[in-house]
Amino acid sequence: MLDFINSYDDLTESERKALTYIMNHLEEVPYININQLAELAFVSKTVIINLSQKMGFSGFKELKYHINRQLREDAVIEKNERRSVKENTTQSFEKTMSLVSEDELNRCAEEMLKAKNVFIMARGTSKPVGYYLEHLLFSMGIHCFFIKDYNLSETFTNLVTENDVVILISLSGSTKKIIDTARKVHMKKAKIISLTSFQSSILPSYADLKLFCHTEEMDTKKDDSISRIGFFLLVDLLVRTIKQISDI
């Protein structure tokens, strides 16, 4: 849950009173407004605003959003813990399949086949997905490069042209280095294919083509051991589509 305790010593008596109410009524807080909370906690709106800011949020609206998000994440974790590993994996597979558009797969395959070069970039635990995709594309004779070295990302973006395809892989869709690369590639007018989880994120907004996988969790900063099975499934589907339309 949110770290309330570290802020406690810096709070006024009224702010502590409001915080105590919030902690005791976490499941209700996302559904009430600031006026209602002030009335229920017997404090002023100003106290709620000051409390939110001392806890690192811009205001009560943002605090409320984070509480709601954390409650939903905790509920998912609790639900997953009740299911077996096999059931979770099967569900992830099925949900990823439901997110995949055959038209989008075909368009991705067509762009990759006509590209002069295919560049692939991934970070952290998503790197094995990049290695896997590079190996399969090379085995089919497609000219591709997996940018493995973090320090080479600047160099490769200078080489990219509008005749190239760049595949960017990020579970969260907000990995800083990936987003920085997406911005530069977008300016070079190269085609971008994004592989992300099906959540609201930044990366797909830069992509010309988007492939989504399912995941219950996407915060890789907190836990980079989150399964990438959905990504491997997307790679297999993409490669099979390339074979199908090209007779490789």
Protein backbone atom coordinates (compact mmCIF):
# COMPACT_ATOMS: atom_id res chain seq x y z
CA MET A 1 0.00 0.00 0.00
CA LEU A 2 1.02 3.63 -0.25
CA ASP A 3 3.77 4.74 2.13
CA PHE A 4 1.86 6.98 4.54
CA ILE A 5 4.14 6.55 7.52
CA ASN A 6 7.24 8.36 6.18
CA SER A 7 5.26 11.60 5.88
CA TYR A 8 3.65 11.36 9.33
CA ASP A 9 6.22 13.32 11.36
CA ASP A 10 5.92 16.36 9.06
CA LEU A 11 2.14 16.63 9.40
CA THR A 12 0.12 19.03 11.52
CA GLU A 13 -2.43 17.67 13.98
CA SER A 14 -5.28 18.33 11.53
CA GLU A 15 -3.39 16.66 8.67
CA ARG A 16 -2.75 13.61 10.86
CA LYS A 17 -6.45 13.52 11.64
CA ALA A 18 -7.29 13.51 7.92
CA LEU A 19 -4.62 10.89 7.21
CA THR A 20 -5.99 8.63 9.92
CA TYR A 21 -9.44 8.82 8.35
CA ILE A 22 -8.02 8.02 4.89
CA MET A 23 -6.06 5.02 6.20
CA ASN A 24 -9.15 3.65 7.94
CA HIS A 25 -11.39 4.14 4.89
CA LEU A 26 -9.10 3.43 1.91
CA GLU A 27 -11.75 1.62 -0.13
CA GLU A 28 -14.18 4.54 0.19
CA VAL A 29 -11.75 7.37 -0.59
CA PRO A 30 -11.62 6.87 -4.42
CA TYR A 31 -15.40 7.44 -4.58
CA ILE A 32 -15.69 10.69 -2.60
CA ASN A 33 -14.70 14.26 -3.44
CA ILE A 34 -12.57 16.63 -1.40
CA ASN A 35 -15.57 18.36 0.18
CA GLN A 36 -17.01 15.05 1.36
CA LEU A 37 -13.65 13.92 2.77
CA ALA A 38 -13.18 17.21 4.62
CA GLU A 39 -16.62 16.85 6.16
CA LEU A 40 -16.13 13.19 7.12
CA ALA A 41 -12.68 13.81 8.62
CA PHE A 42 -13.78 17.05 10.34
CA VAL A 43 -11.06 19.13 8.69
CA SER A 44 -10.92 21.84 6.02
CA LYS A 45 -10.31 21.41 2.28
CA THR A 46 -7.01 23.25 2.72
CA VAL A 47 -5.87 20.59 5.17
CA ILE A 48 -6.63 17.85 2.60
CA ILE A 49 -4.71 19.71 -0.11
CA ASN A 50 -1.70 20.34 2.14
CA LEU A 51 -1.72 16.69 3.25
CA SER A 52 -1.77 15.49 -0.36
CA GLN A 53 1.14 17.74 -1.30
CA LYS A 54 3.23 16.70 1.71
CA MET A 55 2.76 13.12 0.56
CA GLY A 56 4.21 14.01 -2.84
CA PHE A 57 1.03 14.50 -4.88
CA SER A 58 -0.18 17.59 -6.74
CA GLY A 59 -3.49 17.47 -4.89
CA PHE A 60 -6.27 15.25 -3.56
CA LYS A 61 -7.32 14.14 -7.04
CA GLU A 62 -3.89 12.62 -7.69
CA LEU A 63 -3.75 11.05 -4.21
CA LYS A 64 -7.17 9.51 -4.81
CA TYR A 65 -6.05 8.14 -8.19
CA HIS A 66 -3.00 6.47 -6.63
CA ILE A 67 -5.05 4.93 -3.83
CA ASN A 68 -7.53 3.54 -6.36
CA ARG A 69 -4.74 2.19 -8.56
CA GLN A 70 -3.01 0.52 -5.62
CA LEU A 71 -6.26 -1.06 -4.43
CA ARG A 72 -6.86 -2.50 -7.91
CA GLU A 73 -3.29 -3.84 -8.13
CA ASP A 74 -3.61 -5.45 -4.70
CA ALA A 75 -6.90 -7.06 -5.75
CA VAL A 76 -5.28 -8.49 -8.88
CA ILE A 77 -2.34 -9.87 -6.89
CA GLU A 78 -4.70 -11.45 -4.37
CA LYS A 79 -6.77 -12.97 -7.17
CA ASN A 80 -3.67 -14.30 -8.92
CA GLU A 81 -2.40 -15.87 -5.70
CA ARG A 82 -5.61 -17.90 -5.52
CA ARG A 83 -5.09 -19.23 -9.05
CA SER A 84 -2.48 -21.78 -9.99
CA VAL A 85 0.56 -20.82 -12.07
CA LYS A 86 -0.81 -22.93 -14.92
CA GLU A 87 -4.19 -21.13 -14.81
CA ASN A 88 -2.49 -17.71 -14.79
CA THR A 89 -0.29 -18.63 -17.76
CA THR A 90 -3.25 -20.01 -19.74
CA GLN A 91 -5.27 -16.86 -19.05
CA SER A 92 -2.37 -14.61 -20.10
CA PHE A 93 -2.03 -16.59 -23.34
CA GLU A 94 -5.76 -16.39 -24.11
CA LYS A 95 -6.04 -12.68 -23.33
CA THR A 96 -3.01 -11.87 -25.47
CA MET A 97 -4.57 -13.77 -28.38
CA SER A 98 -7.76 -11.74 -27.96
CA LEU A 99 -5.78 -8.49 -28.20
CA VAL A 100 -4.00 -9.37 -31.45
CA SER A 101 -5.43 -7.96 -34.66
CA GLU A 102 -4.74 -10.10 -37.73
CA ASP A 103 -4.81 -6.98 -39.91
CA GLU A 104 -2.18 -5.33 -37.71
CA LEU A 105 0.00 -8.46 -37.85
CA ASN A 106 -0.23 -8.47 -41.66
CA ARG A 107 0.68 -4.79 -41.87
CA CYS A 108 3.66 -5.29 -39.54
CA ALA A 109 4.86 -8.23 -41.63
CA GLU A 110 4.51 -6.30 -44.89
CA GLU A 111 6.45 -3.30 -43.56
CA MET A 112 9.24 -5.54 -42.25
CA LEU A 113 9.53 -7.41 -45.55
CA LYS A 114 9.93 -4.25 -47.61
CA ALA A 115 12.21 -2.46 -45.11
CA LYS A 116 15.87 -1.88 -45.92
CA ASN A 117 16.77 -2.65 -42.29
CA VAL A 118 14.83 -3.83 -39.25
CA PHE A 119 16.15 -2.50 -35.93
CA ILE A 120 15.05 -4.02 -32.62
CA MET A 121 15.43 -2.41 -29.20
CA ALA A 122 14.51 -3.70 -25.74
CA ARG A 123 15.70 -3.14 -22.18
CA GLY A 124 15.96 -5.22 -19.01
CA THR A 125 14.11 -8.53 -18.92
CA SER A 126 12.56 -7.79 -22.32
CA LYS A 127 15.99 -8.23 -23.95
CA PRO A 128 15.59 -12.01 -24.46
CA VAL A 129 12.50 -11.21 -26.57
CA GLY A 130 14.72 -9.03 -28.77
CA TYR A 131 17.33 -11.79 -29.11
CA TYR A 132 14.61 -14.29 -30.01
CA LEU A 133 13.08 -12.04 -32.66
CA GLU A 134 16.49 -11.20 -34.14
CA HIS A 135 17.40 -14.90 -34.40
CA LEU A 136 14.14 -15.80 -36.16
CA LEU A 137 14.34 -12.88 -38.60
CA PHE A 138 17.95 -13.67 -39.48
CA SER A 139 17.01 -17.30 -40.08
CA MET A 140 14.51 -16.06 -42.68
CA GLY A 141 17.08 -13.82 -44.37
CA ILE A 142 15.65 -10.53 -43.10
CA HIS A 143 18.33 -7.87 -42.55
CA CYS A 144 17.94 -6.96 -38.88
CA PHE A 145 19.93 -5.56 -35.96
CA PHE A 146 19.17 -5.96 -32.26
CA ILE A 147 20.54 -2.91 -30.41
CA LYS A 148 21.88 -4.71 -27.35
CA ASP A 149 24.15 -1.97 -26.03
CA TYR A 150 22.47 0.91 -24.21
CA ASN A 151 25.26 3.25 -25.37
CA LEU A 152 24.65 2.50 -29.06
CA SER A 153 21.06 3.76 -29.05
CA GLU A 154 22.17 7.29 -29.97
CA THR A 155 24.36 6.04 -32.83
CA PHE A 156 21.72 3.80 -34.38
CA THR A 157 19.04 6.53 -34.37
CA ASN A 158 21.42 8.68 -36.44
CA LEU A 159 21.63 5.86 -39.01
CA VAL A 160 17.89 5.20 -39.29
CA THR A 161 16.12 6.33 -42.46
CA GLU A 162 12.51 6.39 -43.65
CA ASN A 163 13.18 3.07 -45.41
CA ASP A 164 13.76 1.27 -42.11
CA VAL A 165 11.50 -0.33 -39.51
CA VAL A 166 12.25 0.03 -35.80
CA ILE A 167 10.67 -2.43 -33.35
CA LEU A 168 10.54 -1.08 -29.79
CA ILE A 169 9.73 -3.52 -26.99
CA SER A 170 8.63 -2.27 -23.56
CA LEU A 171 6.18 -3.95 -21.20
CA SER A 172 5.28 -0.72 -19.42
CA GLY A 173 5.44 1.36 -22.59
CA SER A 174 7.18 4.08 -20.60
CA THR A 175 10.83 2.96 -20.40
CA LYS A 176 12.75 6.25 -20.68
CA LYS A 177 15.45 5.10 -23.10
CA ILE A 178 12.84 3.44 -25.33
CA ILE A 179 10.67 6.58 -25.33
CA ASP A 180 13.67 8.81 -26.13
CA THR A 181 14.51 6.49 -29.04
CA ALA A 182 10.88 6.52 -30.25
CA ARG A 183 10.88 10.33 -30.39
CA LYS A 184 14.08 10.42 -32.46
CA VAL A 185 13.00 7.65 -34.81
CA HIS A 186 9.62 9.32 -35.27
CA MET A 187 11.40 12.49 -36.42
CA LYS A 188 13.42 10.44 -38.93
CA LYS A 189 10.10 9.15 -40.38
CA ALA A 190 11.07 5.48 -40.03
CA LYS A 191 8.20 3.08 -39.37
CA ILE A 192 7.84 2.20 -35.67
CA ILE A 193 6.28 -1.05 -34.44
CA SER A 194 5.62 -1.09 -30.69
CA LEU A 195 5.23 -4.19 -28.51
CA THR A 196 3.69 -3.25 -25.16
CA SER A 197 1.18 -4.45 -22.60
CA PHE A 198 -2.43 -3.44 -23.19
CA GLN A 199 -2.43 -0.43 -20.91
CA SER A 200 -2.47 3.31 -21.36
CA SER A 201 1.17 4.24 -22.06
CA ILE A 202 3.36 6.63 -24.03
CA LEU A 203 5.14 4.34 -26.50
CA PRO A 204 2.15 3.38 -28.72
CA SER A 205 1.46 7.08 -29.35
CA TYR A 206 4.71 7.23 -31.37
CA ALA A 207 4.14 3.92 -33.18
CA ASP A 208 2.76 3.46 -36.68
CA LEU A 209 1.82 -0.13 -35.84
CA LYS A 210 0.97 -1.49 -32.41
CA LEU A 211 1.01 -5.04 -31.03
CA PHE A 212 -0.31 -5.61 -27.51
CA CYS A 213 0.09 -8.44 -25.04
CA HIS A 214 -1.72 -9.10 -21.79
CA THR A 215 -0.10 -8.78 -18.37
CA GLU A 216 -1.58 -8.39 -14.91
CA GLU A 217 1.32 -6.18 -13.82
CA MET A 218 3.37 -3.68 -15.80
CA ASP A 219 5.52 -1.80 -13.27
CA THR A 220 8.93 -3.19 -14.24
CA LYS A 221 10.73 -0.68 -12.01
CA LYS A 222 9.19 -2.39 -9.00
CA ASP A 223 9.51 -5.93 -10.33
CA ASP A 224 11.43 -6.69 -13.54
CA SER A 225 10.74 -10.43 -13.16
CA ILE A 226 7.22 -9.97 -14.56
CA SER A 227 6.51 -12.63 -17.21
CA ARG A 228 7.16 -11.73 -20.86
CA ILE A 229 5.31 -14.78 -22.18
CA GLY A 230 2.91 -12.47 -24.04
CA PHE A 231 5.83 -10.89 -25.92
CA PHE A 232 7.18 -14.28 -27.01
CA LEU A 233 3.70 -15.17 -28.27
CA LEU A 234 3.55 -11.90 -30.27
CA VAL A 235 6.96 -12.66 -31.81
CA ASP A 236 5.83 -16.14 -32.86
CA LEU A 237 2.64 -14.77 -34.39
CA LEU A 238 4.56 -12.06 -36.23
CA VAL A 239 7.15 -14.48 -37.62
CA ARG A 240 4.50 -16.97 -38.71
CA THR A 241 2.64 -14.16 -40.46
CA ILE A 242 5.81 -13.11 -42.31
CA LYS A 243 6.31 -16.71 -43.47
CA GLN A 244 2.71 -17.01 -44.56
CA ILE A 245 2.60 -13.88 -46.73
CA SER A 246 6.12 -14.28 -48.18
CA ASP A 247 6.44 -18.05 -48.60
CA ILE A 248 9.86 -17.93 -46.93
